[in-house]
């Protein structure tokens, strides 16, 4: 199965890929039908890239994936890397990456068969469940209260948690980002979204040392900071799906105490202020205690105003403040 066809004119000018994996033709807007590199509409990777060992080619594909390079080129890099992989470790890693990138369940199934890593197996199982359209929100039907493939989901999430225990921060961060990628790729039913984001929180809390009974430690390095930010994004989606799943407000608040404590100290960080506001808006609608709900609403407005002060032209924040009838001119 090939996913690497596209027209030469679809190249992304100035992308990071252009330095190492550009098409042989150097004109990204080439329309010459006689050009051997552009006439067939296929991706032609630089020969120096194709000559890389499998591990380096896979590393390059993952780098271009993270930096949101041209989709066709990233897909082609993954496909070429997979074709050169000979060990089970590399093949299963390449199969998982390609499966997650293009959303292809057959690659995920192959990864499960060939992998020795619990994390790879678990992520591949989760992917297969997430790719089942029965687990997507149907705007014309009632929201689903069950997950198709629940046993496979349970097994996959357990494999992810056990496989990540005691591993390096960057491996944990990669899996948290992957779980959130599944949440963002399709509008998943609330129970499935809740399970994925709950696992993302669990593994993040474990690495960051966050508990419900202690103030979170400040991030000590860049990976800590990235993981804290990823956990905060997961917390927003978890709170929203937990509400849809009728989780009591006090339980939602308790689960998110470490994230809220972390975000409360990030008053100069635009994204952190936005994330805190979203969580507080959720809490303002689910807490039974009126005073607590009002405090949550006030903190949501405070966080939105801080975000607006940092980045006044962000239209999401502007619209949200307008919807809440908050005057930003003061």
C-alpha atoms as a PDB file:
ATOM      1  CA  UNK A   1       0.000   0.000   0.000  1.00  0.00           C
ATOM      2  CA  UNK A   2       1.504   3.334  -1.038  1.00  0.00           C
ATOM      3  CA  UNK A   3       0.710   6.672   0.535  1.00  0.00           C
ATOM      4  CA  UNK A   4       3.450   8.757  -1.119  1.00  0.00           C
ATOM      5  CA  UNK A   5       1.836  10.104  -4.311  1.00  0.00           C
ATOM      6  CA  UNK A   6       1.281  13.822  -4.812  1.00  0.00           C
ATOM      7  CA  UNK A   7       1.911  16.551  -7.368  1.00  0.00           C
ATOM      8  CA  UNK A   8       5.261  18.272  -7.416  1.00  0.00           C
ATOM      9  CA  UNK A   9       3.563  21.638  -7.020  1.00  0.00           C
ATOM     10  CA  UNK A  10       2.363  20.527  -3.580  1.00  0.00           C
ATOM     11  CA  UNK A  11       5.851  20.769  -2.100  1.00  0.00           C
ATOM     12  CA  UNK A  12       6.233  22.947   0.967  1.00  0.00           C
ATOM     13  CA  UNK A  13       8.712  25.675   0.162  1.00  0.00           C
ATOM     14  CA  UNK A  14      11.376  26.192   2.799  1.00  0.00           C
ATOM     15  CA  UNK A  15      10.355  23.230   4.968  1.00  0.00           C
ATOM     16  CA  UNK A  16      13.006  21.666   7.205  1.00  0.00           C
ATOM     17  CA  UNK A  17      12.907  18.586   4.969  1.00  0.00           C
ATOM     18  CA  UNK A  18      14.245  20.574   2.029  1.00  0.00           C
ATOM     19  CA  UNK A  19      17.793  20.398   3.379  1.00  0.00           C
ATOM     20  CA  UNK A  20      17.974  16.617   3.450  1.00  0.00           C
ATOM     21  CA  UNK A  21      14.949  15.020   1.820  1.00  0.00           C
ATOM     22  CA  UNK A  22      13.856  17.382  -0.931  1.00  0.00           C
ATOM     23  CA  UNK A  23      12.789  16.119  -4.309  1.00  0.00           C
ATOM     24  CA  UNK A  24      15.651  15.844  -6.818  1.00  0.00           C
ATOM     25  CA  UNK A  25      14.064  18.638  -8.845  1.00  0.00           C
ATOM     26  CA  UNK A  26      15.005  21.867  -7.055  1.00  0.00           C
ATOM     27  CA  UNK A  27      11.994  23.877  -8.238  1.00  0.00           C
ATOM     28  CA  UNK A  28       9.060  23.270  -5.809  1.00  0.00           C
ATOM     29  CA  UNK A  29       6.688  24.876  -8.323  1.00  0.00           C
ATOM     30  CA  UNK A  30       7.862  22.871 -11.328  1.00  0.00           C
ATOM     31  CA  UNK A  31       5.115  22.209 -13.881  1.00  0.00           C
ATOM     32  CA  UNK A  32       7.361  20.863 -16.639  1.00  0.00           C
ATOM     33  CA  UNK A  33       5.748  17.658 -17.890  1.00  0.00           C
ATOM     34  CA  UNK A  34       9.103  16.495 -19.275  1.00  0.00           C
ATOM     35  CA  UNK A  35      10.853  16.781 -15.896  1.00  0.00           C
ATOM     36  CA  UNK A  36      11.648  13.189 -14.867  1.00  0.00           C
ATOM     37  CA  UNK A  37      11.329  14.046 -11.196  1.00  0.00           C
ATOM     38  CA  UNK A  38       7.934  15.731 -11.403  1.00  0.00           C
ATOM     39  CA  UNK A  39       6.097  14.182 -14.341  1.00  0.00           C
ATOM     40  CA  UNK A  40       4.913  11.082 -12.474  1.00  0.00           C
ATOM     41  CA  UNK A  41       3.677  13.055  -9.453  1.00  0.00           C
ATOM     42  CA  UNK A  42       5.637  10.875  -7.024  1.00  0.00           C
ATOM     43  CA  UNK A  43       7.940  11.800  -4.177  1.00  0.00           C
ATOM     44  CA  UNK A  44      11.612  11.436  -5.184  1.00  0.00           C
ATOM     45  CA  UNK A  45      13.795  11.595  -2.088  1.00  0.00           C
ATOM     46  CA  UNK A  46      17.369  12.756  -2.357  1.00  0.00           C
ATOM     47  CA  UNK A  47      19.663   9.758  -3.005  1.00  0.00           C
ATOM     48  CA  UNK A  48      21.831  10.743  -0.038  1.00  0.00           C
ATOM     49  CA  UNK A  49      18.754  10.372   2.166  1.00  0.00           C
ATOM     50  CA  UNK A  50      17.829   7.014   0.689  1.00  0.00           C
ATOM     51  CA  UNK A  51      21.357   5.756   1.333  1.00  0.00           C
ATOM     52  CA  UNK A  52      21.032   6.322   5.095  1.00  0.00           C
ATOM     53  CA  UNK A  53      20.940   3.247   7.337  1.00  0.00           C
ATOM     54  CA  UNK A  54      17.462   2.182   8.436  1.00  0.00           C
ATOM     55  CA  UNK A  55      17.823   3.594  11.952  1.00  0.00           C
ATOM     56  CA  UNK A  56      18.971   7.018  10.712  1.00  0.00           C
ATOM     57  CA  UNK A  57      16.258   7.135   8.075  1.00  0.00           C
ATOM     58  CA  UNK A  58      13.654   6.337  10.726  1.00  0.00           C
ATOM     59  CA  UNK A  59      15.124   8.994  13.037  1.00  0.00           C
ATOM     60  CA  UNK A  60      14.869  11.507  10.195  1.00  0.00           C
ATOM     61  CA  UNK A  61      11.257  10.535   9.495  1.00  0.00           C
ATOM     62  CA  UNK A  62      10.372  10.976  13.171  1.00  0.00           C
ATOM     63  CA  UNK A  63      12.099  14.367  13.232  1.00  0.00           C
ATOM     64  CA  UNK A  64      10.210  15.569  10.172  1.00  0.00           C
ATOM     65  CA  UNK A  65       7.007  14.188  11.677  1.00  0.00           C
ATOM     66  CA  UNK A  66       7.511  16.189  14.888  1.00  0.00           C
ATOM     67  CA  UNK A  67       8.287  19.368  12.964  1.00  0.00           C
ATOM     68  CA  UNK A  68       5.170  19.014  10.773  1.00  0.00           C
ATOM     69  CA  UNK A  69       7.008  18.821   7.469  1.00  0.00           C
ATOM     70  CA  UNK A  70       5.321  18.077   4.135  1.00  0.00           C
ATOM     71  CA  UNK A  71       2.999  15.138   4.777  1.00  0.00           C
ATOM     72  CA  UNK A  72       3.822  13.272   1.578  1.00  0.00           C
ATOM     73  CA  UNK A  73       7.546  13.490   2.246  1.00  0.00           C
ATOM     74  CA  UNK A  74       7.167  12.307   5.853  1.00  0.00           C
ATOM     75  CA  UNK A  75       5.065   9.354   4.695  1.00  0.00           C
ATOM     76  CA  UNK A  76       7.639   8.479   2.052  1.00  0.00           C
ATOM     77  CA  UNK A  77      10.438   8.659   4.604  1.00  0.00           C
ATOM     78  CA  UNK A  78       8.575   6.260   6.897  1.00  0.00           C
ATOM     79  CA  UNK A  79       7.865   3.882   4.008  1.00  0.00           C
ATOM     80  CA  UNK A  80      11.498   3.841   2.869  1.00  0.00           C
ATOM     81  CA  UNK A  81      12.686   3.392   6.458  1.00  0.00           C
ATOM     82  CA  UNK A  82      10.317   0.448   6.897  1.00  0.00           C
ATOM     83  CA  UNK A  83      11.568  -1.160   3.679  1.00  0.00           C
ATOM     84  CA  UNK A  84      15.141  -1.087   5.027  1.00  0.00           C
ATOM     85  CA  UNK A  85      14.412  -2.324   8.562  1.00  0.00           C
ATOM     86  CA  UNK A  86      15.504  -5.905   9.207  1.00  0.00           C
ATOM     87  CA  UNK A  87      15.407  -6.294  13.000  1.00  0.00           C
ATOM     88  CA  UNK A  88      12.124  -6.811  14.902  1.00  0.00           C
ATOM     89  CA  UNK A  89      12.905  -3.764  17.078  1.00  0.00           C
ATOM     90  CA  UNK A  90      13.305  -1.389  14.133  1.00  0.00           C
ATOM     91  CA  UNK A  91      10.546  -2.937  12.010  1.00  0.00           C
ATOM     92  CA  UNK A  92       7.941  -2.759  14.784  1.00  0.00           C
ATOM     93  CA  UNK A  93       8.936   0.826  15.571  1.00  0.00           C
ATOM     94  CA  UNK A  94       8.653   1.808  11.892  1.00  0.00           C
ATOM     95  CA  UNK A  95       5.346  -0.030  11.506  1.00  0.00           C
ATOM     96  CA  UNK A  96       3.889   1.760  14.536  1.00  0.00           C
ATOM     97  CA  UNK A  97       5.087   5.175  13.372  1.00  0.00           C
ATOM     98  CA  UNK A  98       3.680   4.676   9.897  1.00  0.00           C
ATOM     99  CA  UNK A  99       0.421   3.276  11.286  1.00  0.00           C
ATOM    100  CA  UNK A 100      -0.027   6.255  13.592  1.00  0.00           C
ATOM    101  CA  UNK A 101       0.932   8.741  10.892  1.00  0.00           C
ATOM    102  CA  UNK A 102      -1.335   7.495   8.103  1.00  0.00           C
ATOM    103  CA  UNK A 103      -4.004   5.899  10.284  1.00  0.00           C
ATOM    104  CA  UNK A 104      -3.710   2.393   8.859  1.00  0.00           C
ATOM    105  CA  UNK A 105      -4.848  -0.466  11.105  1.00  0.00           C
ATOM    106  CA  UNK A 106      -3.050  -3.212   9.128  1.00  0.00           C
ATOM    107  CA  UNK A 107       0.326  -1.675   9.938  1.00  0.00           C
ATOM    108  CA  UNK A 108      -0.705  -1.540  13.592  1.00  0.00           C
ATOM    109  CA  UNK A 109      -1.601  -5.238  13.495  1.00  0.00           C
ATOM    110  CA  UNK A 110       1.809  -6.056  12.002  1.00  0.00           C
ATOM    111  CA  UNK A 111       3.498  -3.995  14.713  1.00  0.00           C
ATOM    112  CA  UNK A 112       1.700  -6.008  17.418  1.00  0.00           C
ATOM    113  CA  UNK A 113       2.829  -9.267  15.808  1.00  0.00           C
ATOM    114  CA  UNK A 114       6.473  -8.256  15.421  1.00  0.00           C
ATOM    115  CA  UNK A 115       7.092  -6.089  18.496  1.00  0.00           C
ATOM    116  CA  UNK A 116       8.904  -7.137  21.638  1.00  0.00           C
ATOM    117  CA  UNK A 117       8.175  -3.776  23.282  1.00  0.00           C
ATOM    118  CA  UNK A 118       5.056  -3.479  25.463  1.00  0.00           C
ATOM    119  CA  UNK A 119       4.824   0.218  24.618  1.00  0.00           C
ATOM    120  CA  UNK A 120       4.761  -0.445  20.869  1.00  0.00           C
ATOM    121  CA  UNK A 121       2.225  -3.246  21.275  1.00  0.00           C
ATOM    122  CA  UNK A 122       0.063  -1.108  23.542  1.00  0.00           C
ATOM    123  CA  UNK A 123       0.099   1.928  21.274  1.00  0.00           C
ATOM    124  CA  UNK A 124      -0.722  -0.256  18.263  1.00  0.00           C
ATOM    125  CA  UNK A 125      -3.695  -1.809  20.098  1.00  0.00           C
ATOM    126  CA  UNK A 126      -4.953   1.627  21.125  1.00  0.00           C
ATOM    127  CA  UNK A 127      -4.610   2.836  17.549  1.00  0.00           C
ATOM    128  CA  UNK A 128      -6.716  -0.032  16.209  1.00  0.00           C
ATOM    129  CA  UNK A 129      -9.496   0.807  18.670  1.00  0.00           C
ATOM    130  CA  UNK A 130      -9.325   4.505  17.809  1.00  0.00           C
ATOM    131  CA  UNK A 131      -9.513   3.782  14.076  1.00  0.00           C
ATOM    132  CA  UNK A 132     -12.820   1.929  14.498  1.00  0.00           C
ATOM    133  CA  UNK A 133     -15.504   4.351  13.208  1.00  0.00           C
ATOM    134  CA  UNK A 134     -17.908   2.896  15.789  1.00  0.00           C
ATOM    135  CA  UNK A 135     -15.843   4.772  18.385  1.00  0.00           C
ATOM    136  CA  UNK A 136     -16.171   8.128  16.633  1.00  0.00           C
ATOM    137  CA  UNK A 137     -18.818  10.691  17.485  1.00  0.00           C
ATOM    138  CA  UNK A 138     -21.729  10.609  15.063  1.00  0.00           C
ATOM    139  CA  UNK A 139     -23.387  14.050  15.055  1.00  0.00           C
ATOM    140  CA  UNK A 140     -26.622  12.441  13.829  1.00  0.00           C
ATOM    141  CA  UNK A 141     -26.818   9.835  16.572  1.00  0.00           C
ATOM    142  CA  UNK A 142     -26.806   9.700  20.364  1.00  0.00           C
ATOM    143  CA  UNK A 143     -23.409   9.703  22.022  1.00  0.00           C
ATOM    144  CA  UNK A 144     -22.014   6.213  22.556  1.00  0.00           C
ATOM    145  CA  UNK A 145     -21.647   5.130  26.171  1.00  0.00           C
ATOM    146  CA  UNK A 146     -19.434   2.152  25.397  1.00  0.00           C
ATOM    147  CA  UNK A 147     -16.167   1.522  23.594  1.00  0.00           C
ATOM    148  CA  UNK A 148     -15.985  -1.024  20.795  1.00  0.00           C
ATOM    149  CA  UNK A 149     -12.942  -3.210  21.413  1.00  0.00           C
ATOM    150  CA  UNK A 150     -12.849  -2.466  25.138  1.00  0.00           C
ATOM    151  CA  UNK A 151     -10.809  -5.580  25.980  1.00  0.00           C
ATOM    152  CA  UNK A 152      -8.143  -4.626  23.446  1.00  0.00           C
ATOM    153  CA  UNK A 153      -8.139  -1.054  24.759  1.00  0.00           C
ATOM    154  CA  UNK A 154      -7.683  -2.250  28.334  1.00  0.00           C
ATOM    155  CA  UNK A 155      -4.808  -4.510  27.290  1.00  0.00           C
ATOM    156  CA  UNK A 156      -3.161  -1.777  25.248  1.00  0.00           C
ATOM    157  CA  UNK A 157      -3.339   0.866  27.966  1.00  0.00           C
ATOM    158  CA  UNK A 158      -1.974  -1.577  30.552  1.00  0.00           C
ATOM    159  CA  UNK A 159       0.913  -2.415  28.222  1.00  0.00           C
ATOM    160  CA  UNK A 160       1.665   1.285  27.775  1.00  0.00           C
ATOM    161  CA  UNK A 161       1.660   1.968  31.521  1.00  0.00           C
ATOM    162  CA  UNK A 162       3.796  -1.053  32.393  1.00  0.00           C
ATOM    163  CA  UNK A 163       6.156  -0.481  29.473  1.00  0.00           C
ATOM    164  CA  UNK A 164       6.742   3.146  30.407  1.00  0.00           C
ATOM    165  CA  UNK A 165       7.465   2.406  34.069  1.00  0.00           C
ATOM    166  CA  UNK A 166      11.027   3.492  34.792  1.00  0.00           C
ATOM    167  CA  UNK A 167      11.776   4.600  31.217  1.00  0.00           C
ATOM    168  CA  UNK A 168      13.357   7.851  30.056  1.00  0.00           C
ATOM    169  CA  UNK A 169      11.332  11.066  30.045  1.00  0.00           C
ATOM    170  CA  UNK A 170      11.514  11.455  26.283  1.00  0.00           C
ATOM    171  CA  UNK A 171       9.974   8.002  25.782  1.00  0.00           C
ATOM    172  CA  UNK A 172       7.120   8.881  28.140  1.00  0.00           C
ATOM    173  CA  UNK A 173       6.636  12.252  26.451  1.00  0.00           C
ATOM    174  CA  UNK A 174       6.519  10.579  23.039  1.00  0.00           C
ATOM    175  CA  UNK A 175       3.747   8.226  24.180  1.00  0.00           C
ATOM    176  CA  UNK A 176       1.750  11.011  25.834  1.00  0.00           C
ATOM    177  CA  UNK A 177       1.948  13.018  22.614  1.00  0.00           C
ATOM    178  CA  UNK A 178       0.889   9.907  20.664  1.00  0.00           C
ATOM    179  CA  UNK A 179      -2.132   9.340  22.917  1.00  0.00           C
ATOM    180  CA  UNK A 180      -3.174  12.958  22.501  1.00  0.00           C
ATOM    181  CA  UNK A 181      -2.642  12.601  18.773  1.00  0.00           C
ATOM    182  CA  UNK A 182      -5.271   9.870  18.727  1.00  0.00           C
ATOM    183  CA  UNK A 183      -7.661  12.132  20.639  1.00  0.00           C
ATOM    184  CA  UNK A 184      -7.134  14.950  18.150  1.00  0.00           C
ATOM    185  CA  UNK A 185      -7.211  12.810  14.986  1.00  0.00           C
ATOM    186  CA  UNK A 186     -10.905  11.934  15.322  1.00  0.00           C
ATOM    187  CA  UNK A 187     -13.737  13.107  17.537  1.00  0.00           C
ATOM    188  CA  UNK A 188     -13.730  10.034  19.757  1.00  0.00           C
ATOM    189  CA  UNK A 189     -16.648   9.019  21.941  1.00  0.00           C
ATOM    190  CA  UNK A 190     -16.343  10.402  25.462  1.00  0.00           C
ATOM    191  CA  UNK A 191     -15.550   7.096  27.240  1.00  0.00           C
ATOM    192  CA  UNK A 192     -12.658   6.379  24.861  1.00  0.00           C
ATOM    193  CA  UNK A 193     -11.319   9.925  25.030  1.00  0.00           C
ATOM    194  CA  UNK A 194     -11.517   9.740  28.817  1.00  0.00           C
ATOM    195  CA  UNK A 195      -9.538   6.495  28.984  1.00  0.00           C
ATOM    196  CA  UNK A 196      -6.756   7.759  26.704  1.00  0.00           C
ATOM    197  CA  UNK A 197      -6.340  11.069  28.497  1.00  0.00           C
ATOM    198  CA  UNK A 198      -6.493   9.392  31.902  1.00  0.00           C
ATOM    199  CA  UNK A 199      -3.574   7.173  30.912  1.00  0.00           C
ATOM    200  CA  UNK A 200      -1.710  10.222  29.608  1.00  0.00           C
ATOM    201  CA  UNK A 201      -2.189  11.866  33.010  1.00  0.00           C
ATOM    202  CA  UNK A 202      -1.182   8.742  34.928  1.00  0.00           C
ATOM    203  CA  UNK A 203       2.140   8.226  33.153  1.00  0.00           C
ATOM    204  CA  UNK A 204       2.910  11.963  33.204  1.00  0.00           C
ATOM    205  CA  UNK A 205       2.200  12.263  36.931  1.00  0.00           C
ATOM    206  CA  UNK A 206       4.481   9.289  37.615  1.00  0.00           C
ATOM    207  CA  UNK A 207       7.459  10.808  35.799  1.00  0.00           C
ATOM    208  CA  UNK A 208       6.924  14.348  37.079  1.00  0.00           C
ATOM    209  CA  UNK A 209       6.385  13.181  40.654  1.00  0.00           C
ATOM    210  CA  UNK A 210       2.974  14.840  40.829  1.00  0.00           C
ATOM    211  CA  UNK A 211       0.551  13.521  43.439  1.00  0.00           C
ATOM    212  CA  UNK A 212      -2.820  14.620  44.757  1.00  0.00           C
ATOM    213  CA  UNK A 213      -1.330  15.469  48.123  1.00  0.00           C
ATOM    214  CA  UNK A 214       1.700  17.602  47.324  1.00  0.00           C
ATOM    215  CA  UNK A 215       2.503  20.740  45.372  1.00  0.00           C
ATOM    216  CA  UNK A 216       4.034  19.761  42.047  1.00  0.00           C
ATOM    217  CA  UNK A 217       7.765  20.177  41.753  1.00  0.00           C
ATOM    218  CA  UNK A 218       8.924  22.755  39.259  1.00  0.00           C
ATOM    219  CA  UNK A 219      10.193  21.242  35.999  1.00  0.00           C
ATOM    220  CA  UNK A 220      13.927  20.677  36.254  1.00  0.00           C
ATOM    221  CA  UNK A 221      14.722  20.477  32.545  1.00  0.00           C
ATOM    222  CA  UNK A 222      13.262  20.989  29.087  1.00  0.00           C
ATOM    223  CA  UNK A 223      11.768  17.492  28.944  1.00  0.00           C
ATOM    224  CA  UNK A 224      10.018  18.083  32.278  1.00  0.00           C
ATOM    225  CA  UNK A 225       8.564  21.309  30.926  1.00  0.00           C
ATOM    226  CA  UNK A 226       7.370  19.671  27.711  1.00  0.00           C
ATOM    227  CA  UNK A 227       5.813  16.806  29.647  1.00  0.00           C
ATOM    228  CA  UNK A 228       4.109  19.191  32.078  1.00  0.00           C
ATOM    229  CA  UNK A 229       2.629  21.101  29.144  1.00  0.00           C
ATOM    230  CA  UNK A 230       1.473  17.878  27.476  1.00  0.00           C
ATOM    231  CA  UNK A 231      -0.097  16.707  30.743  1.00  0.00           C
ATOM    232  CA  UNK A 232      -1.891  20.035  31.066  1.00  0.00           C
ATOM    233  CA  UNK A 233      -3.340  19.686  27.559  1.00  0.00           C
ATOM    234  CA  UNK A 234      -4.429  16.141  28.416  1.00  0.00           C
ATOM    235  CA  UNK A 235      -6.054  17.461  31.590  1.00  0.00           C
ATOM    236  CA  UNK A 236      -8.302  19.788  29.594  1.00  0.00           C
ATOM    237  CA  UNK A 237      -9.548  16.978  27.362  1.00  0.00           C
ATOM    238  CA  UNK A 238      -9.874  14.632  30.336  1.00  0.00           C
ATOM    239  CA  UNK A 239     -11.998  17.141  32.268  1.00  0.00           C
ATOM    240  CA  UNK A 240     -14.284  17.653  29.282  1.00  0.00           C
ATOM    241  CA  UNK A 241     -14.747  13.921  28.635  1.00  0.00           C
ATOM    242  CA  UNK A 242     -15.148  13.209  32.362  1.00  0.00           C
ATOM    243  CA  UNK A 243     -18.014  15.698  32.404  1.00  0.00           C
ATOM    244  CA  UNK A 244     -19.649  13.900  29.478  1.00  0.00           C
ATOM    245  CA  UNK A 245     -19.173  10.619  31.347  1.00  0.00           C
ATOM    246  CA  UNK A 246     -20.946  12.094  34.418  1.00  0.00           C
ATOM    247  CA  UNK A 247     -17.909  11.937  36.695  1.00  0.00           C
ATOM    248  CA  UNK A 248     -18.709  13.958  39.863  1.00  0.00           C
ATOM    249  CA  UNK A 249     -17.223  17.441  39.939  1.00  0.00           C
ATOM    250  CA  UNK A 250     -15.264  16.828  43.139  1.00  0.00           C
ATOM    251  CA  UNK A 251     -13.582  13.801  41.555  1.00  0.00           C
ATOM    252  CA  UNK A 252     -12.672  15.821  38.469  1.00  0.00           C
ATOM    253  CA  UNK A 253     -11.176  18.556  40.642  1.00  0.00           C
ATOM    254  CA  UNK A 254      -9.252  16.051  42.779  1.00  0.00           C
ATOM    255  CA  UNK A 255      -7.765  14.302  39.735  1.00  0.00           C
ATOM    256  CA  UNK A 256      -6.522  17.606  38.324  1.00  0.00           C
ATOM    257  CA  UNK A 257      -5.107  19.192  41.494  1.00  0.00           C
ATOM    258  CA  UNK A 258      -1.447  18.670  40.464  1.00  0.00           C
ATOM    259  CA  UNK A 259      -2.060  20.162  37.011  1.00  0.00           C
ATOM    260  CA  UNK A 260      -3.957  23.116  38.466  1.00  0.00           C
ATOM    261  CA  UNK A 261      -1.204  23.771  40.992  1.00  0.00           C
ATOM    262  CA  UNK A 262       1.369  23.716  38.195  1.00  0.00           C
ATOM    263  CA  UNK A 263      -0.640  25.999  35.905  1.00  0.00           C
ATOM    264  CA  UNK A 264      -1.323  28.484  38.710  1.00  0.00           C
ATOM    265  CA  UNK A 265       2.407  29.302  38.719  1.00  0.00           C
ATOM    266  CA  UNK A 266       2.634  29.800  34.940  1.00  0.00           C
ATOM    267  CA  UNK A 267       1.113  33.280  34.840  1.00  0.00           C
ATOM    268  CA  UNK A 268       3.416  34.533  32.084  1.00  0.00           C
ATOM    269  CA  UNK A 269       2.887  31.515  29.819  1.00  0.00           C
ATOM    270  CA  UNK A 270       0.156  32.127  27.260  1.00  0.00           C
ATOM    271  CA  UNK A 271      -0.713  28.478  26.600  1.00  0.00           C
ATOM    272  CA  UNK A 272      -0.698  27.638  30.317  1.00  0.00           C
ATOM    273  CA  UNK A 273      -3.128  30.484  31.033  1.00  0.00           C
ATOM    274  CA  UNK A 274      -5.463  29.268  28.279  1.00  0.00           C
ATOM    275  CA  UNK A 275      -5.348  25.686  29.543  1.00  0.00           C
ATOM    276  CA  UNK A 276      -6.026  26.720  33.130  1.00  0.00           C
ATOM    277  CA  UNK A 277      -8.992  28.785  31.973  1.00  0.00           C
ATOM    278  CA  UNK A 278     -10.515  25.814  30.125  1.00  0.00           C
ATOM    279  CA  UNK A 279     -10.215  23.528  33.146  1.00  0.00           C
ATOM    280  CA  UNK A 280     -11.671  26.164  35.456  1.00  0.00           C
ATOM    281  CA  UNK A 281     -14.614  26.712  33.120  1.00  0.00           C
ATOM    282  CA  UNK A 282     -15.327  22.982  33.251  1.00  0.00           C
ATOM    283  CA  UNK A 283     -15.136  22.984  37.051  1.00  0.00           C
ATOM    284  CA  UNK A 284     -17.422  25.995  37.300  1.00  0.00           C
ATOM    285  CA  UNK A 285     -20.097  23.941  35.614  1.00  0.00           C
ATOM    286  CA  UNK A 286     -19.716  20.669  37.535  1.00  0.00           C
ATOM    287  CA  UNK A 287     -18.916  21.603  41.144  1.00  0.00           C
ATOM    288  CA  UNK A 288     -21.981  21.287  43.370  1.00  0.00           C
ATOM    289  CA  UNK A 289     -20.818  23.862  45.888  1.00  0.00           C
ATOM    290  CA  UNK A 290     -21.944  27.256  44.602  1.00  0.00           C
ATOM    291  CA  UNK A 291     -19.053  29.147  46.169  1.00  0.00           C
ATOM    292  CA  UNK A 292     -16.510  26.730  44.720  1.00  0.00           C
ATOM    293  CA  UNK A 293     -18.131  26.939  41.301  1.00  0.00           C
ATOM    294  CA  UNK A 294     -18.064  30.737  41.430  1.00  0.00           C
ATOM    295  CA  UNK A 295     -14.391  30.747  42.452  1.00  0.00           C
ATOM    296  CA  UNK A 296     -13.600  28.452  39.537  1.00  0.00           C
ATOM    297  CA  UNK A 297     -15.399  30.799  37.148  1.00  0.00           C
ATOM    298  CA  UNK A 298     -13.539  33.822  38.515  1.00  0.00           C
ATOM    299  CA  UNK A 299     -10.215  32.010  38.098  1.00  0.00           C
ATOM    300  CA  UNK A 300     -11.167  31.091  34.534  1.00  0.00           C
ATOM    301  CA  UNK A 301     -11.825  34.732  33.705  1.00  0.00           C
ATOM    302  CA  UNK A 302      -8.602  35.783  35.449  1.00  0.00           C
ATOM    303  CA  UNK A 303      -6.626  33.271  33.381  1.00  0.00           C
ATOM    304  CA  UNK A 304      -8.262  34.356  30.120  1.00  0.00           C
ATOM    305  CA  UNK A 305      -7.466  37.988  30.874  1.00  0.00           C
ATOM    306  CA  UNK A 306      -3.840  37.056  31.586  1.00  0.00           C
ATOM    307  CA  UNK A 307      -3.702  35.183  28.282  1.00  0.00           C
ATOM    308  CA  UNK A 308      -5.230  38.188  26.506  1.00  0.00           C
ATOM    309  CA  UNK A 309      -2.664  40.491  28.083  1.00  0.00           C
ATOM    310  CA  UNK A 310       0.177  38.259  26.866  1.00  0.00           C
ATOM    311  CA  UNK A 311      -1.216  37.804  23.344  1.00  0.00           C
ATOM    312  CA  UNK A 312      -3.945  40.389  22.662  1.00  0.00           C
ATOM    313  CA  UNK A 313      -4.566  39.281  19.068  1.00  0.00           C
ATOM    314  CA  UNK A 314      -5.394  35.637  19.835  1.00  0.00           C
ATOM    315  CA  UNK A 315      -8.923  35.339  18.482  1.00  0.00           C
ATOM    316  CA  UNK A 316      -9.827  32.233  20.482  1.00  0.00           C
ATOM    317  CA  UNK A 317      -9.270  34.122  23.713  1.00  0.00           C
ATOM    318  CA  UNK A 318     -10.964  37.239  22.363  1.00  0.00           C
ATOM    319  CA  UNK A 319     -14.057  35.270  21.359  1.00  0.00           C
ATOM    320  CA  UNK A 320     -14.189  33.408  24.651  1.00  0.00           C
ATOM    321  CA  UNK A 321     -14.018  36.626  26.647  1.00  0.00           C
ATOM    322  CA  UNK A 322     -16.731  38.112  24.460  1.00  0.00           C
ATOM    323  CA  UNK A 323     -18.926  35.039  24.986  1.00  0.00           C
ATOM    324  CA  UNK A 324     -18.493  35.509  28.737  1.00  0.00           C
ATOM    325  CA  UNK A 325     -19.370  39.210  28.339  1.00  0.00           C
ATOM    326  CA  UNK A 326     -16.002  40.281  29.793  1.00  0.00           C
ATOM    327  CA  UNK A 327     -14.816  43.777  28.960  1.00  0.00           C
ATOM    328  CA  UNK A 328     -11.173  43.687  27.820  1.00  0.00           C
ATOM    329  CA  UNK A 329     -10.827  47.451  27.403  1.00  0.00           C
ATOM    330  CA  UNK A 330     -10.318  48.097  31.093  1.00  0.00           C
END
